[in-house]
Protein backbone atom coordinates (compact mmCIF):
# COMPACT_ATOMS: atom_id res chain seq x y z
CA MET A 1 106.93 150.05 71.27
CA ASP A 2 106.18 149.26 74.61
CA SER A 3 106.58 151.48 77.72
CA ARG A 4 109.62 150.67 78.97
CA ALA A 5 111.19 151.07 75.35
CA SER A 6 109.51 154.47 75.37
CA ARG A 7 110.50 155.34 78.32
CA SER A 8 114.56 154.36 77.51
CA THR A 9 113.94 156.17 74.26
CA ASN A 10 112.46 159.70 75.92
CA LEU A 11 115.75 158.93 78.65
CA ALA A 12 118.24 158.73 75.74
CA ALA A 13 116.35 161.92 74.12
CA ALA A 14 116.99 163.97 77.32
CA GLY A 15 120.28 162.76 77.62
CA GLY A 16 121.17 164.11 74.22
CA ARG A 17 119.11 167.30 75.01
CA MET A 18 121.22 168.05 78.57
CA TYR A 19 124.42 167.08 76.88
CA GLY A 20 123.91 169.69 74.17
CA LEU A 21 123.49 172.32 77.16
CA ILE A 22 126.51 171.34 78.62
CA GLU A 23 128.41 171.85 75.43
CA ASP A 24 127.27 175.44 74.70
CA LEU A 25 127.81 176.01 78.40
CA TYR A 26 131.33 174.56 79.31
CA PRO A 27 133.42 177.39 77.48
CA ILE A 28 132.05 180.29 79.64
CA CYS A 29 134.40 181.54 82.51
CA ARG A 30 132.28 181.77 85.68
CA SER A 31 132.83 182.62 89.44
CA ILE A 32 130.58 183.35 92.33
CA THR A 33 129.69 186.66 90.56
CA GLY A 34 130.13 188.74 86.95
CA ASP A 35 129.20 188.51 83.61
CA GLY A 36 129.95 184.93 83.05
CA VAL A 37 127.37 183.89 85.46
CA ARG A 38 124.97 186.92 83.39
CA ALA A 39 126.04 184.72 80.06
CA THR A 40 125.36 181.62 81.54
CA LEU A 41 121.83 182.44 82.64
CA ARG A 42 120.92 184.26 79.52
CA ARG A 43 121.74 181.01 77.70
CA LEU A 44 119.24 179.10 80.26
CA GLN A 45 116.64 181.56 79.98
CA ALA A 46 116.95 180.59 76.07
CA GLU A 47 115.31 176.81 78.01
CA LEU A 48 113.28 178.12 80.66
CA PRO A 49 111.43 181.63 81.58
CA LEU A 50 113.63 182.56 84.82
CA THR A 51 113.28 185.05 86.52
CA VAL A 52 116.95 186.89 87.00
CA HIS A 53 117.78 188.59 90.61
CA GLU A 54 120.79 190.95 90.76
CA VAL A 55 121.98 191.59 95.09
CA PRO A 56 124.10 194.60 95.63
CA SER A 57 127.60 194.27 96.70
CA GLY A 58 127.88 194.71 100.73
CA THR A 59 124.50 193.71 101.23
CA ALA A 60 124.14 191.52 104.45
CA VAL A 61 123.15 188.24 104.08
CA PHE A 62 123.18 186.41 107.68
CA ASP A 63 126.32 186.56 108.85
CA TRP A 64 128.13 187.12 105.41
CA ALA A 65 127.98 190.33 103.08
CA VAL A 66 127.56 189.58 99.24
CA PRO A 67 131.44 190.17 97.70
CA GLN A 68 132.08 192.27 95.12
CA GLU A 69 131.58 191.75 91.65
CA TRP A 70 135.07 190.10 89.52
CA ASN A 71 135.59 190.34 85.71
CA ILE A 72 137.99 188.91 83.38
CA SER A 73 138.90 189.60 79.81
CA ASP A 74 142.48 188.15 79.34
CA ALA A 75 145.47 186.66 81.63
CA TYR A 76 148.37 185.23 80.71
CA VAL A 77 152.47 184.58 81.02
CA LYS A 78 154.96 185.08 78.57
CA ASN A 79 158.18 183.89 78.51
CA ALA A 80 161.34 185.85 76.88
CA ALA A 81 160.06 184.87 74.06
CA GLY A 82 156.97 186.60 74.21
CA GLU A 83 154.97 183.48 74.03
CA ARG A 84 151.78 182.52 76.10
CA VAL A 85 153.28 179.59 77.79
CA ILE A 86 150.12 179.66 80.57
CA ASP A 87 147.07 180.64 78.72
CA PHE A 88 143.29 181.94 79.90
CA GLN A 89 142.04 181.77 76.37
CA ARG A 90 142.68 177.93 75.62
CA HIS A 91 141.74 176.92 79.47
CA ASN A 92 139.38 179.26 81.87
CA LEU A 93 141.25 177.14 84.43
CA HIS A 94 144.58 178.46 83.72
CA VAL A 95 143.43 181.46 86.11
CA VAL A 96 142.91 181.74 90.10
CA SER A 97 139.44 182.62 90.32
CA TYR A 98 138.32 186.11 92.08
CA SER A 99 142.22 187.08 90.82
CA THR A 100 143.48 190.74 91.50
CA PRO A 101 144.59 192.50 88.38
CA VAL A 102 147.73 192.29 87.30
CA ARG A 103 150.08 193.90 85.00
CA GLN A 104 154.13 193.32 85.77
CA ARG A 105 157.49 191.36 84.68
CA MET A 106 158.91 189.31 87.25
CA SER A 107 161.65 186.79 87.33
CA LEU A 108 160.38 183.11 87.79
CA ALA A 109 161.22 183.30 91.51
CA GLU A 110 158.93 185.54 92.00
CA LEU A 111 156.23 184.13 89.64
CA ARG A 112 156.70 180.70 91.36
CA PRO A 113 154.06 181.31 94.64
CA HIS A 114 151.61 182.34 92.24
CA LEU A 115 151.45 179.17 90.54
CA HIS A 116 149.71 176.26 91.42
CA SER A 117 150.21 172.37 90.05
CA LEU A 118 149.03 169.06 90.50
CA PRO A 119 152.62 167.26 91.01
CA GLU A 120 150.05 163.71 91.28
CA GLN A 121 148.32 164.56 88.00
CA PRO A 122 151.24 166.32 86.12
CA GLU A 123 149.13 167.13 83.03
CA LEU A 124 146.38 168.53 84.78
CA ILE A 125 145.26 171.99 85.53
CA PRO A 126 143.58 172.19 88.78
CA TYR A 127 140.69 174.24 89.76
CA ARG A 128 141.58 177.07 92.27
CA THR A 129 139.75 180.20 93.84
CA SER A 130 140.60 182.67 96.01
CA TYR A 131 136.79 184.03 96.76
CA TYR A 132 137.71 186.42 99.99
CA LYS A 133 141.05 186.65 100.58
CA GLU A 134 142.61 189.43 97.51
CA THR A 135 145.33 187.68 95.84
CA TRP A 136 146.20 186.44 92.14
CA GLY A 137 147.42 183.31 90.62
CA PHE A 138 147.80 181.21 87.83
CA CYS A 139 147.11 177.39 87.55
CA ALA A 140 148.66 175.11 85.17
CA SER A 141 149.71 171.72 84.46
CA HIS A 142 153.10 170.53 86.38
CA THR A 143 154.34 169.28 83.57
CA THR A 144 154.58 172.76 81.90
CA LEU A 145 155.45 174.85 85.34
CA GLN A 146 158.69 172.19 85.47
CA ALA A 147 159.45 173.24 82.16
CA LEU A 148 159.68 176.67 82.88
CA PRO A 149 163.23 177.74 82.61
CA GLU A 150 164.67 180.47 84.45
CA GLY A 151 164.01 184.70 83.05
CA GLU A 152 161.95 187.28 83.13
CA TYR A 153 158.19 186.68 82.32
CA GLU A 154 155.54 189.46 81.35
CA VAL A 155 152.54 188.83 83.55
CA VAL A 156 149.24 190.00 82.99
CA ILE A 157 145.63 189.51 84.60
CA ASP A 158 143.09 191.87 82.96
CA SER A 159 140.57 191.30 85.63
CA SER A 160 138.84 193.52 87.51
CA LEU A 161 136.89 193.46 91.11
CA LYS A 162 134.94 196.01 92.63
CA SER A 163 131.10 196.45 93.50
CA GLY A 164 128.47 195.44 91.29
CA SER A 165 126.02 192.37 92.63
CA LEU A 166 125.56 188.87 93.39
CA THR A 167 123.36 187.25 90.44
CA TYR A 168 121.31 184.46 90.46
CA SER A 169 117.78 183.38 89.06
CA GLU A 170 114.97 181.13 89.76
CA LEU A 171 111.77 179.83 88.78
CA LEU A 172 108.39 178.29 90.20
CA LEU A 173 106.58 176.14 88.53
CA GLN A 174 102.76 176.59 90.29
CA GLY A 175 101.56 173.19 91.13
CA ALA A 176 97.79 172.21 93.09
CA THR A 177 99.06 173.37 96.63
CA ASP A 178 101.34 176.28 97.84
CA ASP A 179 103.76 173.30 99.15
CA GLU A 180 107.44 173.18 97.68
CA VAL A 181 109.91 170.95 96.86
CA LEU A 182 112.88 172.76 95.94
CA ILE A 183 115.61 171.74 93.40
CA SER A 184 118.76 173.72 93.54
CA CYS A 185 122.53 173.83 91.82
CA HIS A 186 125.28 176.17 91.91
CA ILE A 187 126.27 177.64 88.84
CA CYS A 188 129.64 179.00 89.53
CA HIS A 189 132.21 176.93 88.52
CA PRO A 190 133.68 177.64 85.26
CA SER A 191 135.08 175.02 82.44
CA LEU A 192 133.85 171.63 84.66
CA ALA A 193 131.22 169.17 83.03
CA ASP A 194 130.24 167.31 85.82
CA ASP A 195 130.42 169.94 88.56
CA ASN A 196 128.48 170.98 88.53
CA LEU A 197 127.32 172.08 84.89
CA SER A 198 125.96 168.56 84.84
CA GLY A 199 123.71 169.52 87.62
CA VAL A 200 122.40 172.34 85.79
CA ALA A 201 121.51 170.85 82.78
CA VAL A 202 119.48 167.78 84.36
CA ALA A 203 117.33 171.30 86.50
CA VAL A 204 116.91 172.33 83.26
CA GLU A 205 115.32 168.79 81.83
CA LEU A 206 113.10 168.45 85.01
CA ALA A 207 111.69 172.04 84.74
CA ARG A 208 110.65 171.08 81.35
CA ALA A 209 109.13 168.07 82.28
CA LEU A 210 106.96 169.16 85.21
CA SER A 211 106.21 172.39 83.36
CA THR A 212 103.78 169.79 81.21
CA LEU A 213 102.63 168.55 83.71
CA LYS A 214 99.90 169.30 87.00
CA PRO A 215 101.99 168.51 89.85
CA ARG A 216 100.36 168.40 93.56
CA PHE A 217 103.39 170.07 94.79
CA SER A 218 104.91 173.57 93.39
CA TYR A 219 107.93 173.39 91.85
CA ARG A 220 111.02 176.18 93.11
CA PHE A 221 114.43 175.72 90.58
CA VAL A 222 116.89 177.81 92.05
CA PHE A 223 120.40 178.23 89.90
CA VAL A 224 122.49 180.28 92.61
CA PRO A 225 126.39 180.93 92.93
CA GLY A 226 127.78 178.21 95.44
CA THR A 227 127.40 178.97 99.10
CA ILE A 228 126.75 182.74 98.95
CA GLY A 229 124.11 182.13 96.32
CA ALA A 230 122.32 179.77 98.15
CA ILE A 231 122.82 181.80 101.74
CA THR A 232 121.72 184.80 99.59
CA TRP A 233 119.04 183.48 98.56
CA LEU A 234 117.94 182.08 101.99
CA ALA A 235 118.32 185.59 103.54
CA GLN A 236 116.18 187.35 100.83
CA ASN A 237 113.75 184.11 101.22
CA GLU A 238 113.33 183.50 104.91
CA PRO A 239 109.51 184.19 105.39
CA GLN A 240 108.84 181.68 102.71
CA LEU A 241 110.65 179.27 103.48
CA GLY A 242 108.30 177.06 105.91
CA ARG A 243 106.31 176.13 102.31
CA ILE A 244 109.56 173.98 101.13
CA LYS A 245 108.67 170.56 101.91
CA ALA A 246 111.31 168.56 100.15
CA GLY A 247 114.50 169.81 98.38
CA LEU A 248 117.71 168.49 96.05
CA VAL A 249 120.67 169.77 95.53
CA LEU A 250 122.23 168.48 92.26
CA THR A 251 125.73 167.84 91.67
CA CYS A 252 127.98 165.47 89.72
CA VAL A 253 125.14 164.27 88.13
CA GLY A 254 126.80 163.44 84.93
CA ASP A 255 129.62 160.67 85.29
CA ALA A 256 129.66 156.88 84.49
CA GLY A 257 129.67 156.31 88.71
CA ALA A 258 126.76 154.76 90.42
CA LEU A 259 124.36 157.28 91.60
CA THR A 260 124.58 158.44 95.26
CA TYR A 261 122.02 160.12 97.68
CA LYS A 262 123.04 162.02 100.60
CA ARG A 263 120.48 162.39 103.10
CA SER A 264 119.41 165.54 104.71
CA ARG A 265 120.19 167.08 108.07
CA GLN A 266 116.80 165.22 109.48
CA GLY A 267 117.48 161.94 108.42
CA ASP A 268 113.78 160.79 107.52
CA SER A 269 112.14 163.20 105.24
CA SER A 270 109.87 162.74 102.46
CA ILE A 271 112.54 162.88 99.84
CA ASP A 272 115.12 160.91 102.22
CA ARG A 273 112.73 158.02 102.54
CA ALA A 274 111.46 158.55 98.40
CA PHE A 275 115.62 158.08 97.18
CA ALA A 276 116.20 155.23 99.70
CA HIS A 277 113.46 153.43 98.13
CA LEU A 278 114.20 153.67 94.66
CA LEU A 279 118.28 153.06 95.07
CA LYS A 280 117.11 149.83 96.73
CA GLN A 281 114.71 148.24 94.34
CA SER A 282 117.50 149.07 91.94
CA ALA A 283 120.40 147.48 93.48
CA SER A 284 122.14 150.15 92.42
CA GLY A 285 123.84 153.39 93.74
CA ARG A 286 123.68 154.31 97.53
CA VAL A 287 122.90 156.37 100.32
CA ILE A 288 124.81 158.04 102.98
CA GLU A 289 124.51 159.90 105.83
CA PHE A 290 123.83 163.88 105.89
CA TYR A 291 127.38 165.98 106.93
CA PRO A 292 128.00 169.45 107.34
CA TYR A 293 130.77 169.48 104.17
CA GLY A 294 129.78 169.38 100.62
CA TYR A 295 127.64 171.84 98.58
CA ASP A 296 124.53 173.91 99.22
CA GLU A 297 122.81 171.23 101.32
CA ARG A 298 125.12 172.29 103.60
CA GLN A 299 123.45 175.85 103.94
CA TYR A 300 119.90 174.43 103.69
CA ASN A 301 120.25 171.78 106.37
CA SER A 302 121.78 174.68 108.73
CA PRO A 303 120.35 174.63 112.04
CA GLY A 304 118.57 177.77 111.86
CA ILE A 305 116.86 177.04 108.24
CA ASN A 306 116.92 172.63 108.55
CA LEU A 307 115.01 172.43 105.31
CA PRO A 308 114.26 168.68 104.46
CA VAL A 309 117.19 169.03 101.46
CA GLY A 310 119.19 165.93 100.01
CA CYS A 311 121.93 165.98 97.85
CA LEU A 312 122.63 163.53 94.42
CA MET A 313 125.52 162.83 92.93
CA ARG A 314 127.51 159.77 91.10
CA SER A 315 130.52 160.13 91.84
CA GLN A 316 131.16 161.79 95.77
CA HIS A 317 132.98 164.89 94.88
CA GLY A 318 136.43 165.02 96.04
CA GLN A 319 136.84 161.41 95.73
CA PHE A 320 137.32 161.22 92.08
CA PRO A 321 140.49 161.85 90.07
CA GLU A 322 138.94 164.42 87.47
CA TYR A 323 137.24 166.37 90.82
CA HIS A 324 138.20 169.89 90.39
CA THR A 325 140.36 169.59 87.21
CA SER A 326 140.49 170.01 83.96
CA ALA A 327 139.96 165.99 83.27
CA ASP A 328 136.37 167.46 84.16
CA ASP A 329 135.66 167.90 80.94
CA LEU A 330 133.21 167.13 77.92
CA ALA A 331 134.58 163.81 77.80
CA PHE A 332 133.78 163.01 81.34
CA VAL A 333 130.43 163.71 81.41
CA ARG A 334 127.78 160.77 79.49
CA PRO A 335 124.41 161.40 77.94
CA GLU A 336 123.36 158.13 79.11
CA ALA A 337 124.50 159.12 82.73
CA LEU A 338 122.37 162.34 82.64
CA GLY A 339 119.36 160.21 80.99
CA ALA A 340 119.19 157.77 83.83
CA THR A 341 120.06 160.62 86.34
CA PHE A 342 117.04 162.57 84.93
CA GLY A 343 114.90 159.50 85.18
CA THR A 344 115.79 158.40 88.58
CA ILE A 345 114.90 161.81 90.08
CA LEU A 346 111.38 161.40 88.29
CA GLY A 347 110.89 158.42 89.89
CA ALA A 348 111.60 159.92 93.16
CA LEU A 349 109.38 162.82 92.65
CA ARG A 350 106.71 160.65 91.60
CA VAL A 351 106.89 158.80 94.78
CA LEU A 352 106.86 162.59 96.37
CA GLU A 353 103.38 163.59 93.96
CA GLN A 354 101.88 159.77 95.14
CA ASN A 355 102.24 158.77 98.51
CA HIS A 356 99.12 159.89 100.13
CA THR A 357 97.65 157.77 103.09
CA TYR A 358 94.40 155.95 102.28
CA VAL A 359 91.90 153.67 104.78
CA ASN A 360 90.08 150.75 103.88
CA THR A 361 86.71 150.44 102.93
CA SER A 362 85.86 147.46 103.93
CA PRO A 363 88.30 146.40 106.79
CA LYS A 364 86.99 143.41 108.14
CA CYS A 365 88.58 140.21 106.70
CA GLU A 366 89.87 140.70 103.14
CA PRO A 367 86.88 141.88 100.71
CA GLN A 368 85.98 139.69 97.80
CA LEU A 369 88.61 140.71 94.59
CA GLY A 370 87.12 138.17 92.23
CA LYS A 371 83.84 139.98 91.70
CA ARG A 372 85.26 143.10 91.33
CA GLY A 373 87.31 142.06 88.41
CA LEU A 374 90.76 142.61 90.86
CA TYR A 375 91.73 138.78 91.54
CA GLY A 376 92.87 135.90 89.20
CA LEU A 377 89.63 133.36 88.82
CA ILE A 378 91.59 130.37 89.38
CA GLY A 379 92.76 129.23 93.05
CA GLY A 380 95.84 127.87 94.33
CA LEU A 381 98.29 129.65 92.46
CA ASP A 382 101.14 131.81 93.16
CA LEU A 383 99.81 135.15 94.17
CA GLN A 384 101.27 137.65 90.53
CA SER A 385 102.44 140.84 92.40
CA SER A 386 100.45 142.80 90.90
CA GLN A 387 97.60 140.82 93.02
CA LEU A 388 99.74 140.99 96.09
CA ALA A 389 100.36 144.29 96.08
CA LEU A 390 96.33 144.59 96.23
CA LEU A 391 96.70 142.76 99.38
CA TRP A 392 99.12 144.84 101.00
CA VAL A 393 97.65 148.01 100.52
CA LEU A 394 94.05 146.77 101.67
CA ASN A 395 95.74 145.61 104.70
CA LEU A 396 98.08 148.58 105.89
CA SER A 397 95.46 150.94 104.36
CA ASP A 398 94.29 152.17 108.15
CA GLY A 399 94.83 155.99 107.87
CA THR A 400 98.15 155.66 109.58
CA HIS A 401 100.50 154.31 106.70
CA SER A 402 101.25 156.38 103.40
CA LEU A 403 101.81 154.32 100.37
CA LEU A 404 106.12 154.60 100.31
CA GLU A 405 105.60 152.79 103.89
CA ILE A 406 103.40 150.37 102.38
CA ALA A 407 106.34 149.96 99.77
CA GLU A 408 108.96 149.65 102.41
CA ARG A 409 107.10 147.06 104.30
CA ALA A 410 106.27 144.95 101.44
CA ALA A 411 109.92 145.49 99.54
CA MET A 412 107.85 145.58 96.59
CA PRO A 413 108.55 149.00 94.21
CA PHE A 414 106.46 151.97 95.07
CA ASP A 415 105.15 152.46 91.43
CA LEU A 416 103.67 149.07 92.05
CA ILE A 417 101.82 149.68 95.08
CA ALA A 418 100.29 153.22 93.94
CA ALA A 419 98.77 151.43 90.84
CA ALA A 420 97.30 148.94 93.34
CA ALA A 421 95.94 151.63 95.23
CA GLU A 422 94.73 153.39 92.03
CA GLN A 423 92.73 150.34 91.18
CA LEU A 424 91.34 149.90 94.88
CA GLN A 425 89.85 153.40 94.95
CA GLU A 426 88.51 153.16 91.48
CA THR A 427 86.23 149.83 92.86
CA GLY A 428 85.41 152.07 96.54
CA LEU A 429 87.74 149.69 98.72
CA LEU A 430 89.71 152.86 99.13
CA VAL A 431 89.48 156.45 100.18
CA ALA A 432 91.75 158.77 100.83
CA ARG A 433 92.35 159.60 104.52
CA ALA A 434 90.39 162.72 105.43
């Protein structure tokens, strides 16, 4: 089996593992705090040696405060016949996340202001939250709500909202240096497979793969509730943020759409350039500019933090019909898409790891490559791409051009340029810049 086939097989196996993890996590009702988050992290601890942190409610985190903890055990709307016409046990999207406790009987007219649906997608259940305003509500398909007859309904939300804590976890894989690459994903969404269980699963697979290597960078993985979790992590780790040299937020990375990379606020950071190069070389996917909306990249890229953190997606959040609905289910994510995402990220990290700057030790005219076994013995033929890569590296290795800059200038794959640099080092024609 050649290396390409082997790599394809490995990505397929990784895709299967990631999909299996998503299947395990999908039923859990998660929110920005609570036992659903803890249950999720316990499952992840079976895969990785995560450190779990509990931050008490009320803790000041920059301009925010850690909210009260929310938990739920059951919720339903029963009709006059005692039938559950809306049932949290059937799908956890049926309840507005962070709903306050309710136990009363009311007319349909009284209930309607607390019911949410999608008239333009009448068979789907929407995902709704109320984190910072105490209220309650139910979500259901528009077809279900339209069919509700007038009458009295029993309405129950068996939840609690009280002082507790916010839970997040992290893992540091120490590399040869203390310079860090941050991998972040949010763990606050309930039964939504692409947003963001796909990001969680890919992050786990990345951590597993990197733990078997000896990388140059250290890699920090954070699994945090969206927005408030990232803000909390940043507030608690502000003194160490200078170590982060690149970062990536993962979300919606398991569907069939082409990859979308969103640049960091800096716009030209090392990870921005790595993904731009890879996606250009593969002729698939796209790169979009930073804007201050989306996922936790907007926290990492806030002006007082300004970390070089991009965001990787497939279908862009808010721009596909399954987004934040019950259609974002296990059938929407695909093992092969998860595997391909994983492979692309590994490629980008390989660029970061190998992107050194070198100096040509024989810069006056071209050195004789043939006597060093680096050049074809028959002249006059078209140069092979590997030989052209050698010439590009020699020409631009003046101590000011990194390998990625050379790959961009040459319009050649980074891996080919890096392989050429390795060959030239072995013959003494290239040395790392001091």
